[in-house]
Amino acid sequence: MNPEAKHIVSELRREFYSLFAAAMKTPVSISSTCYSSNSPIASWIDNRQKLNYVNIYAYTAPDEFNPLRPFILRLAINKSALQFMMGKKLQKSQELNVRWNFELTVLPREILDFLPWIVSLVEARDRVSPSLLQSPPHPFELKVPASGLYNNVWTLEACLLTKIMQPVF
């Protein structure tokens, strides 16, 4: 990842986590780094007393070898939970939420637009109330893997940009 992309990811992550913490109705802790990704995360305890976390990172980004690679971000909730659990000393009362994983893949300019939607997604999931889920700010495609273990959402623009940049053989 080139230095400009690193700076953009860092700034967007910082801003998203701060706004996320302010918008949530439960306390949110923002770490400086995470063992599994070496990037900060935001974590919270849900109504079932399960520990949840969100991580924002570059899914693809331009670098010195491929300066035309698309710059796409991923927001992951409870993804790679076991790696996270190994790197974080949990209090006895905490148990990691391993039953729910979610990934949102977006362009950098789209991520902050999704903040209210992500908060509503977390609250709807926590309260088991789908009516709390807001309309997404950008159209997206939901991809559910055969295993059905997590939801994978790509904005249409991120999906299109990825398909355009794939080599044709």
N, C-alpha and C. Protein backbone atom coordinates (compact mmCIF):
# COMPACT_ATOMS: atom_id res chain seq x y z
N MET A 1 0.85 -1.16 0.00
CA MET A 1 0.00 0.00 0.00
C MET A 1 0.90 1.23 0.00
N ASN A 2 0.58 2.19 -0.87
CA ASN A 2 1.42 3.38 -0.91
C ASN A 2 1.15 4.29 0.29
N PRO A 3 2.07 5.23 0.59
CA PRO A 3 1.91 6.08 1.77
C PRO A 3 0.60 6.90 1.77
N GLU A 4 0.18 7.37 0.62
CA GLU A 4 -1.07 8.14 0.57
C GLU A 4 -2.27 7.29 0.95
N ALA A 5 -2.32 6.06 0.45
CA ALA A 5 -3.41 5.14 0.80
C ALA A 5 -3.38 4.80 2.29
N LYS A 6 -2.19 4.57 2.84
CA LYS A 6 -2.06 4.30 4.27
C LYS A 6 -2.62 5.45 5.10
N HIS A 7 -2.29 6.68 4.69
CA HIS A 7 -2.77 7.86 5.41
C HIS A 7 -4.30 7.95 5.33
N ILE A 8 -4.85 7.72 4.15
CA ILE A 8 -6.30 7.80 3.97
C ILE A 8 -7.01 6.74 4.82
N VAL A 9 -6.50 5.52 4.81
CA VAL A 9 -7.12 4.45 5.63
C VAL A 9 -7.07 4.83 7.10
N SER A 10 -5.92 5.31 7.54
CA SER A 10 -5.76 5.69 8.95
C SER A 10 -6.75 6.79 9.35
N GLU A 11 -6.87 7.80 8.52
CA GLU A 11 -7.77 8.92 8.82
C GLU A 11 -9.24 8.49 8.78
N LEU A 12 -9.61 7.71 7.78
CA LEU A 12 -11.00 7.25 7.69
C LEU A 12 -11.35 6.33 8.86
N ARG A 13 -10.42 5.48 9.22
CA ARG A 13 -10.62 4.57 10.36
C ARG A 13 -10.82 5.39 11.64
N ARG A 14 -9.94 6.34 11.87
CA ARG A 14 -10.03 7.17 13.07
C ARG A 14 -11.37 7.90 13.13
N GLU A 15 -11.76 8.51 12.02
CA GLU A 15 -13.02 9.26 11.99
C GLU A 15 -14.22 8.33 12.15
N PHE A 16 -14.21 7.20 11.45
CA PHE A 16 -15.34 6.27 11.54
C PHE A 16 -15.49 5.77 12.97
N TYR A 17 -14.40 5.32 13.59
CA TYR A 17 -14.49 4.78 14.95
C TYR A 17 -14.99 5.83 15.94
N SER A 18 -14.51 7.05 15.81
CA SER A 18 -14.96 8.12 16.70
C SER A 18 -16.46 8.38 16.55
N LEU A 19 -16.91 8.48 15.31
CA LEU A 19 -18.33 8.71 15.06
C LEU A 19 -19.17 7.49 15.46
N PHE A 20 -18.66 6.30 15.24
CA PHE A 20 -19.33 5.08 15.63
C PHE A 20 -19.52 5.04 17.15
N ALA A 21 -18.46 5.34 17.88
CA ALA A 21 -18.53 5.34 19.35
C ALA A 21 -19.56 6.36 19.84
N ALA A 22 -19.61 7.52 19.20
CA ALA A 22 -20.57 8.56 19.60
C ALA A 22 -22.01 8.16 19.28
N ALA A 23 -22.21 7.41 18.20
CA ALA A 23 -23.56 7.06 17.75
C ALA A 23 -24.13 5.82 18.46
N MET A 24 -23.27 4.97 18.97
CA MET A 24 -23.75 3.75 19.62
C MET A 24 -24.38 4.08 20.97
N LYS A 25 -25.35 3.27 21.36
CA LYS A 25 -26.04 3.47 22.63
C LYS A 25 -25.38 2.69 23.77
N THR A 26 -24.26 2.09 23.46
CA THR A 26 -23.49 1.32 24.43
C THR A 26 -22.05 1.81 24.37
N PRO A 27 -21.29 1.71 25.44
CA PRO A 27 -19.89 2.16 25.41
C PRO A 27 -19.07 1.39 24.37
N VAL A 28 -18.24 2.12 23.66
CA VAL A 28 -17.36 1.55 22.64
C VAL A 28 -15.93 1.89 23.01
N SER A 29 -15.07 0.89 22.96
CA SER A 29 -13.66 1.07 23.24
C SER A 29 -12.89 1.04 21.92
N ILE A 30 -11.98 1.98 21.74
CA ILE A 30 -11.16 2.03 20.52
C ILE A 30 -9.74 1.70 20.92
N SER A 31 -9.22 0.60 20.35
CA SER A 31 -7.85 0.18 20.69
C SER A 31 -6.85 0.88 19.79
N SER A 32 -5.60 0.83 20.22
CA SER A 32 -4.56 1.42 19.38
C SER A 32 -4.11 0.43 18.30
N THR A 33 -4.09 -0.85 18.62
CA THR A 33 -3.75 -1.88 17.64
C THR A 33 -4.48 -3.17 17.99
N CYS A 34 -4.52 -4.06 17.04
CA CYS A 34 -5.12 -5.38 17.24
C CYS A 34 -4.10 -6.42 16.81
N TYR A 35 -3.94 -7.47 17.58
CA TYR A 35 -2.95 -8.51 17.32
C TYR A 35 -3.07 -9.08 15.90
N SER A 36 -4.30 -9.39 15.49
CA SER A 36 -4.47 -10.10 14.21
C SER A 36 -4.26 -9.21 12.99
N SER A 37 -4.41 -7.90 13.15
CA SER A 37 -4.30 -7.05 11.96
C SER A 37 -3.34 -5.88 12.14
N ASN A 38 -2.87 -5.68 13.35
CA ASN A 38 -2.00 -4.54 13.65
C ASN A 38 -2.65 -3.20 13.32
N SER A 39 -3.96 -3.16 13.29
CA SER A 39 -4.67 -1.91 13.09
C SER A 39 -5.66 -1.72 14.23
N PRO A 40 -5.99 -0.49 14.55
CA PRO A 40 -6.95 -0.26 15.63
C PRO A 40 -8.32 -0.87 15.32
N ILE A 41 -9.03 -1.19 16.37
CA ILE A 41 -10.39 -1.70 16.25
C ILE A 41 -11.28 -0.94 17.23
N ALA A 42 -12.59 -1.03 17.02
CA ALA A 42 -13.57 -0.52 17.97
C ALA A 42 -14.34 -1.72 18.48
N SER A 43 -14.52 -1.83 19.79
CA SER A 43 -15.22 -2.99 20.35
C SER A 43 -16.28 -2.54 21.35
N TRP A 44 -17.27 -3.42 21.55
CA TRP A 44 -18.37 -3.13 22.47
C TRP A 44 -18.96 -4.44 22.95
N ILE A 45 -19.72 -4.36 24.05
CA ILE A 45 -20.43 -5.51 24.60
C ILE A 45 -21.91 -5.36 24.22
N ASP A 46 -22.49 -6.42 23.65
CA ASP A 46 -23.89 -6.35 23.23
C ASP A 46 -24.83 -6.73 24.37
N ASN A 47 -26.13 -6.77 24.09
CA ASN A 47 -27.15 -7.09 25.10
C ASN A 47 -27.01 -8.49 25.66
N ARG A 48 -26.36 -9.38 24.94
CA ARG A 48 -26.16 -10.76 25.40
C ARG A 48 -24.83 -10.91 26.15
N GLN A 49 -24.20 -9.78 26.42
CA GLN A 49 -22.90 -9.75 27.11
C GLN A 49 -21.79 -10.40 26.30
N LYS A 50 -21.90 -10.32 24.98
CA LYS A 50 -20.87 -10.84 24.08
C LYS A 50 -20.03 -9.66 23.59
N LEU A 51 -18.74 -9.89 23.46
CA LEU A 51 -17.82 -8.89 22.94
C LEU A 51 -17.87 -8.90 21.42
N ASN A 52 -18.04 -7.74 20.82
CA ASN A 52 -18.07 -7.56 19.37
C ASN A 52 -17.01 -6.54 18.99
N TYR A 53 -16.58 -6.58 17.75
CA TYR A 53 -15.62 -5.56 17.32
C TYR A 53 -15.78 -5.28 15.83
N VAL A 54 -15.34 -4.10 15.44
CA VAL A 54 -15.32 -3.70 14.04
C VAL A 54 -13.89 -3.31 13.69
N ASN A 55 -13.49 -3.69 12.48
CA ASN A 55 -12.14 -3.40 11.99
C ASN A 55 -12.27 -2.87 10.56
N ILE A 56 -11.59 -1.79 10.26
CA ILE A 56 -11.57 -1.22 8.92
C ILE A 56 -10.16 -1.35 8.38
N TYR A 57 -10.05 -1.88 7.15
CA TYR A 57 -8.73 -2.07 6.56
C TYR A 57 -8.84 -1.98 5.04
N ALA A 58 -7.70 -1.85 4.39
CA ALA A 58 -7.66 -1.80 2.93
C ALA A 58 -7.83 -3.22 2.40
N TYR A 59 -8.84 -3.42 1.59
CA TYR A 59 -9.04 -4.71 0.92
C TYR A 59 -8.08 -4.81 -0.26
N THR A 60 -8.04 -3.76 -1.07
CA THR A 60 -7.01 -3.60 -2.11
C THR A 60 -6.60 -2.14 -2.10
N ALA A 61 -5.37 -1.88 -2.49
CA ALA A 61 -4.87 -0.50 -2.52
C ALA A 61 -3.70 -0.42 -3.49
N PRO A 62 -3.53 0.74 -4.08
CA PRO A 62 -2.37 0.92 -4.96
C PRO A 62 -1.08 0.80 -4.16
N ASP A 63 -0.05 0.28 -4.81
CA ASP A 63 1.27 0.21 -4.19
C ASP A 63 2.33 0.49 -5.24
N GLU A 64 3.59 0.37 -4.86
CA GLU A 64 4.66 0.72 -5.79
C GLU A 64 4.72 -0.22 -6.99
N PHE A 65 4.28 -1.46 -6.84
CA PHE A 65 4.31 -2.43 -7.93
C PHE A 65 3.08 -2.36 -8.83
N ASN A 66 1.96 -1.93 -8.26
CA ASN A 66 0.71 -1.82 -9.01
C ASN A 66 -0.02 -0.53 -8.62
N PRO A 67 0.44 0.60 -9.16
CA PRO A 67 -0.15 1.89 -8.79
C PRO A 67 -1.59 2.07 -9.29
N LEU A 68 -2.05 1.22 -10.20
CA LEU A 68 -3.42 1.33 -10.72
C LEU A 68 -4.40 0.39 -10.01
N ARG A 69 -3.91 -0.35 -9.03
CA ARG A 69 -4.80 -1.25 -8.29
C ARG A 69 -5.91 -0.42 -7.64
N PRO A 70 -7.15 -0.89 -7.68
CA PRO A 70 -8.24 -0.12 -7.09
C PRO A 70 -8.07 0.02 -5.57
N PHE A 71 -8.51 1.14 -5.05
CA PHE A 71 -8.45 1.41 -3.62
C PHE A 71 -9.83 1.11 -3.04
N ILE A 72 -9.92 -0.02 -2.34
CA ILE A 72 -11.19 -0.50 -1.81
C ILE A 72 -10.99 -0.85 -0.34
N LEU A 73 -11.94 -0.45 0.49
CA LEU A 73 -11.87 -0.71 1.92
C LEU A 73 -12.84 -1.82 2.32
N ARG A 74 -12.54 -2.44 3.42
CA ARG A 74 -13.45 -3.43 4.00
C ARG A 74 -13.67 -3.08 5.46
N LEU A 75 -14.93 -3.12 5.85
CA LEU A 75 -15.32 -2.97 7.24
C LEU A 75 -15.79 -4.36 7.68
N ALA A 76 -15.14 -4.92 8.67
CA ALA A 76 -15.47 -6.26 9.13
C ALA A 76 -15.94 -6.22 10.58
N ILE A 77 -17.06 -6.86 10.84
CA ILE A 77 -17.57 -6.99 12.20
C ILE A 77 -17.40 -8.45 12.62
N ASN A 78 -16.67 -8.64 13.70
CA ASN A 78 -16.45 -9.97 14.29
C ASN A 78 -15.82 -10.96 13.30
N LYS A 79 -15.12 -10.46 12.32
CA LYS A 79 -14.46 -11.33 11.35
C LYS A 79 -13.14 -11.79 11.95
N SER A 80 -12.81 -13.03 11.74
CA SER A 80 -11.59 -13.63 12.30
C SER A 80 -11.61 -13.53 13.82
N ALA A 81 -12.75 -13.84 14.40
CA ALA A 81 -12.94 -13.69 15.84
C ALA A 81 -11.94 -14.49 16.65
N LEU A 82 -11.58 -15.68 16.20
CA LEU A 82 -10.65 -16.50 16.98
C LEU A 82 -9.26 -15.87 17.02
N GLN A 83 -8.83 -15.26 15.91
CA GLN A 83 -7.54 -14.57 15.92
C GLN A 83 -7.58 -13.40 16.89
N PHE A 84 -8.70 -12.68 16.88
CA PHE A 84 -8.85 -11.54 17.77
C PHE A 84 -8.79 -12.00 19.23
N MET A 85 -9.48 -13.10 19.53
CA MET A 85 -9.54 -13.61 20.88
C MET A 85 -8.15 -14.02 21.37
N MET A 86 -7.34 -14.57 20.48
CA MET A 86 -5.99 -14.97 20.87
C MET A 86 -5.14 -13.76 21.21
N GLY A 87 -5.40 -12.63 20.56
CA GLY A 87 -4.57 -11.45 20.77
C GLY A 87 -5.07 -10.53 21.85
N LYS A 88 -6.25 -10.76 22.39
CA LYS A 88 -6.81 -9.88 23.39
C LYS A 88 -7.12 -10.69 24.64
N LYS A 89 -6.66 -10.21 25.77
CA LYS A 89 -6.97 -10.87 27.03
C LYS A 89 -8.38 -10.45 27.44
N LEU A 90 -9.30 -11.41 27.40
CA LEU A 90 -10.69 -11.12 27.73
C LEU A 90 -10.90 -11.25 29.23
N GLN A 91 -11.77 -10.40 29.75
CA GLN A 91 -12.15 -10.51 31.14
C GLN A 91 -13.02 -11.75 31.31
N LYS A 92 -13.09 -12.30 32.51
CA LYS A 92 -13.86 -13.52 32.74
C LYS A 92 -15.31 -13.36 32.33
N SER A 93 -15.87 -12.18 32.46
CA SER A 93 -17.28 -11.96 32.15
C SER A 93 -17.52 -11.80 30.64
N GLN A 94 -16.44 -11.70 29.85
CA GLN A 94 -16.59 -11.46 28.42
C GLN A 94 -16.45 -12.75 27.62
N GLU A 95 -17.28 -12.86 26.62
CA GLU A 95 -17.19 -13.96 25.67
C GLU A 95 -17.33 -13.35 24.29
N LEU A 96 -16.46 -13.72 23.40
CA LEU A 96 -16.47 -13.15 22.06
C LEU A 96 -17.68 -13.65 21.27
N ASN A 97 -18.31 -12.76 20.55
CA ASN A 97 -19.45 -13.10 19.71
C ASN A 97 -18.92 -13.79 18.44
N VAL A 98 -18.96 -15.10 18.43
CA VAL A 98 -18.47 -15.86 17.28
C VAL A 98 -19.61 -16.32 16.37
N ARG A 99 -20.83 -15.97 16.72
CA ARG A 99 -22.00 -16.42 15.95
C ARG A 99 -22.38 -15.45 14.85
N TRP A 100 -21.82 -14.25 14.85
CA TRP A 100 -22.20 -13.26 13.85
C TRP A 100 -20.95 -12.61 13.25
N ASN A 101 -20.81 -12.75 11.94
CA ASN A 101 -19.76 -12.09 11.18
C ASN A 101 -20.41 -11.27 10.08
N PHE A 102 -19.81 -10.15 9.75
CA PHE A 102 -20.35 -9.30 8.69
C PHE A 102 -19.20 -8.57 8.04
N GLU A 103 -19.25 -8.45 6.70
CA GLU A 103 -18.25 -7.68 5.97
C GLU A 103 -18.94 -6.74 5.00
N LEU A 104 -18.46 -5.52 4.97
CA LEU A 104 -18.94 -4.50 4.03
C LEU A 104 -17.73 -4.02 3.24
N THR A 105 -17.78 -4.14 1.92
CA THR A 105 -16.68 -3.73 1.06
C THR A 105 -17.14 -2.50 0.28
N VAL A 106 -16.36 -1.41 0.41
CA VAL A 106 -16.77 -0.10 -0.11
C VAL A 106 -15.59 0.66 -0.71
N LEU A 107 -15.91 1.70 -1.44
CA LEU A 107 -14.89 2.65 -1.85
C LEU A 107 -14.62 3.58 -0.67
N PRO A 108 -13.42 4.14 -0.57
CA PRO A 108 -13.12 5.03 0.55
C PRO A 108 -14.13 6.17 0.71
N ARG A 109 -14.61 6.73 -0.39
CA ARG A 109 -15.55 7.85 -0.29
C ARG A 109 -16.93 7.43 0.19
N GLU A 110 -17.20 6.12 0.25
CA GLU A 110 -18.51 5.63 0.67
C GLU A 110 -18.57 5.26 2.15
N ILE A 111 -17.44 5.02 2.78
CA ILE A 111 -17.47 4.40 4.11
C ILE A 111 -18.15 5.25 5.18
N LEU A 112 -17.89 6.53 5.21
CA LEU A 112 -18.53 7.37 6.22
C LEU A 112 -20.03 7.49 6.00
N ASP A 113 -20.46 7.38 4.75
CA ASP A 113 -21.90 7.40 4.46
C ASP A 113 -22.59 6.20 5.10
N PHE A 114 -21.87 5.11 5.27
CA PHE A 114 -22.45 3.89 5.82
C PHE A 114 -22.50 3.88 7.36
N LEU A 115 -21.93 4.87 8.00
CA LEU A 115 -21.89 4.88 9.47
C LEU A 115 -23.28 4.71 10.10
N PRO A 116 -24.29 5.52 9.76
CA PRO A 116 -25.61 5.33 10.39
C PRO A 116 -26.20 3.95 10.08
N TRP A 117 -25.93 3.45 8.89
CA TRP A 117 -26.46 2.14 8.51
C TRP A 117 -25.79 1.03 9.34
N ILE A 118 -24.49 1.13 9.54
CA ILE A 118 -23.78 0.13 10.35
C ILE A 118 -24.29 0.17 11.79
N VAL A 119 -24.47 1.37 12.34
CA VAL A 119 -25.00 1.48 13.70
C VAL A 119 -26.38 0.84 13.77
N SER A 120 -27.22 1.10 12.77
CA SER A 120 -28.57 0.50 12.77
C SER A 120 -28.49 -1.01 12.60
N LEU A 121 -27.53 -1.50 11.82
CA LEU A 121 -27.35 -2.94 11.65
C LEU A 121 -26.98 -3.60 12.98
N VAL A 122 -26.04 -2.99 13.69
CA VAL A 122 -25.61 -3.52 14.98
C VAL A 122 -26.77 -3.51 15.97
N GLU A 123 -27.51 -2.40 16.01
CA GLU A 123 -28.65 -2.30 16.94
C GLU A 123 -29.76 -3.27 16.56
N ALA A 124 -30.05 -3.43 15.28
CA ALA A 124 -31.08 -4.36 14.83
C ALA A 124 -30.69 -5.79 15.20
N ARG A 125 -29.44 -6.12 15.01
CA ARG A 125 -28.93 -7.46 15.34
C ARG A 125 -28.98 -7.69 16.85
N ASP A 126 -28.58 -6.67 17.61
CA ASP A 126 -28.54 -6.78 19.06
C ASP A 126 -29.94 -6.92 19.66
N ARG A 127 -30.87 -6.21 19.12
CA ARG A 127 -32.24 -6.22 19.65
C ARG A 127 -33.16 -7.21 18.92
N VAL A 128 -32.59 -7.94 17.96
CA VAL A 128 -33.36 -8.88 17.13
C VAL A 128 -34.62 -8.17 16.60
N SER A 129 -34.37 -7.00 15.99
CA SER A 129 -35.46 -6.19 15.46
C SER A 129 -35.07 -5.65 14.09
N PRO A 130 -35.36 -6.41 13.02
CA PRO A 130 -35.00 -5.96 11.67
C PRO A 130 -35.59 -4.60 11.29
N SER A 131 -36.65 -4.18 11.95
CA SER A 131 -37.27 -2.89 11.63
C SER A 131 -36.35 -1.71 11.98
N LEU A 132 -35.34 -1.93 12.83
CA LEU A 132 -34.40 -0.87 13.18
C LEU A 132 -33.39 -0.59 12.06
N LEU A 133 -33.26 -1.51 11.11
CA LEU A 133 -32.28 -1.36 10.04
C LEU A 133 -32.71 -0.27 9.06
N GLN A 134 -31.84 0.70 8.88
CA GLN A 134 -32.09 1.80 7.96
C GLN A 134 -31.83 1.36 6.52
N SER A 135 -32.25 2.19 5.59
CA SER A 135 -31.92 1.95 4.18
C SER A 135 -30.45 2.28 3.98
N PRO A 136 -29.76 1.49 3.17
CA PRO A 136 -28.33 1.76 2.94
C PRO A 136 -28.16 3.05 2.11
N PRO A 137 -27.06 3.76 2.33
CA PRO A 137 -26.82 5.01 1.62
C PRO A 137 -26.38 4.82 0.17
N HIS A 138 -25.87 3.64 -0.15
CA HIS A 138 -25.43 3.31 -1.51
C HIS A 138 -25.96 1.91 -1.84
N PRO A 139 -26.31 1.68 -3.10
CA PRO A 139 -26.78 0.33 -3.47
C PRO A 139 -25.67 -0.70 -3.25
N PHE A 140 -26.08 -1.89 -2.82
CA PHE A 140 -25.10 -2.93 -2.62
C PHE A 140 -25.64 -4.28 -3.02
N GLU A 141 -24.69 -5.22 -3.10
CA GLU A 141 -25.00 -6.60 -3.44
C GLU A 141 -24.65 -7.45 -2.24
N LEU A 142 -25.61 -8.25 -1.78
CA LEU A 142 -25.38 -9.14 -0.66
C LEU A 142 -24.94 -10.50 -1.19
N LYS A 143 -23.80 -10.95 -0.68
CA LYS A 143 -23.28 -12.26 -1.07
C LYS A 143 -23.25 -13.13 0.16
N VAL A 144 -23.98 -14.23 0.14
CA VAL A 144 -23.99 -15.16 1.27
C VAL A 144 -23.28 -16.43 0.82
N PRO A 145 -22.19 -16.79 1.47
CA PRO A 145 -21.44 -17.99 1.07
C PRO A 145 -22.25 -19.25 1.36
N ALA A 146 -21.85 -20.34 0.75
CA ALA A 146 -22.55 -21.62 0.92
C ALA A 146 -22.62 -22.02 2.39
N SER A 147 -21.59 -21.68 3.16
CA SER A 147 -21.59 -22.05 4.58
C SER A 147 -22.56 -21.21 5.38
N GLY A 148 -22.90 -20.02 4.88
CA GLY A 148 -23.86 -19.16 5.56
C GLY A 148 -23.36 -18.60 6.88
N LEU A 149 -22.05 -18.59 7.10
CA LEU A 149 -21.52 -18.14 8.38
C LEU A 149 -21.50 -16.62 8.54
N TYR A 150 -21.47 -15.89 7.46
CA TYR A 150 -21.45 -14.44 7.58
C TYR A 150 -22.06 -13.81 6.34
N ASN A 151 -22.39 -12.55 6.48
CA ASN A 151 -22.90 -11.79 5.35
C ASN A 151 -21.74 -11.03 4.73
N ASN A 152 -21.75 -10.95 3.43
CA ASN A 152 -20.70 -10.27 2.70
C ASN A 152 -21.38 -9.30 1.74
N VAL A 153 -21.23 -8.01 2.00
CA VAL A 153 -21.90 -6.97 1.23
C VAL A 153 -20.86 -6.14 0.50
N TRP A 154 -21.07 -5.95 -0.79
CA TRP A 154 -20.22 -5.09 -1.61
C TRP A 154 -21.08 -3.98 -2.18
N THR A 155 -20.62 -2.73 -2.08
CA THR A 155 -21.36 -1.69 -2.78
C THR A 155 -21.21 -1.96 -4.27
N LEU A 156 -22.19 -1.53 -5.02
CA LEU A 156 -22.14 -1.79 -6.46
C LEU A 156 -20.92 -1.16 -7.10
N GLU A 157 -20.56 0.04 -6.64
CA GLU A 157 -19.38 0.71 -7.22
C GLU A 157 -18.09 -0.05 -6.91
N ALA A 158 -17.94 -0.56 -5.68
CA ALA A 158 -16.74 -1.33 -5.34
C ALA A 158 -16.70 -2.62 -6.14
N CYS A 159 -17.85 -3.26 -6.28
CA CYS A 159 -17.94 -4.51 -7.05
C CYS A 159 -17.59 -4.25 -8.51
N LEU A 160 -18.14 -3.20 -9.07
CA LEU A 160 -17.89 -2.86 -10.47
C LEU A 160 -16.42 -2.52 -10.69
N LEU A 161 -15.84 -1.72 -9.81
CA LEU A 161 -14.43 -1.34 -9.94
C LEU A 161 -13.53 -2.57 -9.88
N THR A 162 -13.85 -3.51 -9.02
CA THR A 162 -13.05 -4.73 -8.91
C THR A 162 -13.15 -5.55 -10.18
N LYS A 163 -14.35 -5.66 -10.74
CA LYS A 163 -14.54 -6.44 -11.97
C LYS A 163 -13.85 -5.77 -13.17
N ILE A 164 -13.87 -4.46 -13.22
CA ILE A 164 -13.22 -3.72 -14.31
C ILE A 164 -11.72 -3.93 -14.28
N MET A 165 -11.15 -3.98 -13.08
CA MET A 165 -9.70 -4.05 -12.95
C MET A 165 -9.16 -5.48 -13.02
N GLN A 166 -10.03 -6.50 -13.10
CA GLN A 166 -9.55 -7.88 -13.20
C GLN A 166 -9.02 -8.14 -14.59
N PRO A 167 -7.88 -8.80 -14.69
CA PRO A 167 -7.33 -9.10 -16.02
C PRO A 167 -8.21 -10.13 -16.76
N VAL A 168 -8.26 -9.98 -18.05
CA VAL A 168 -9.01 -10.92 -18.89
C VAL A 168 -8.01 -11.88 -19.53
N PHE A 169 -8.23 -13.18 -19.41
CA PHE A 169 -7.31 -14.18 -19.96
C PHE A 169 -7.92 -14.80 -21.18
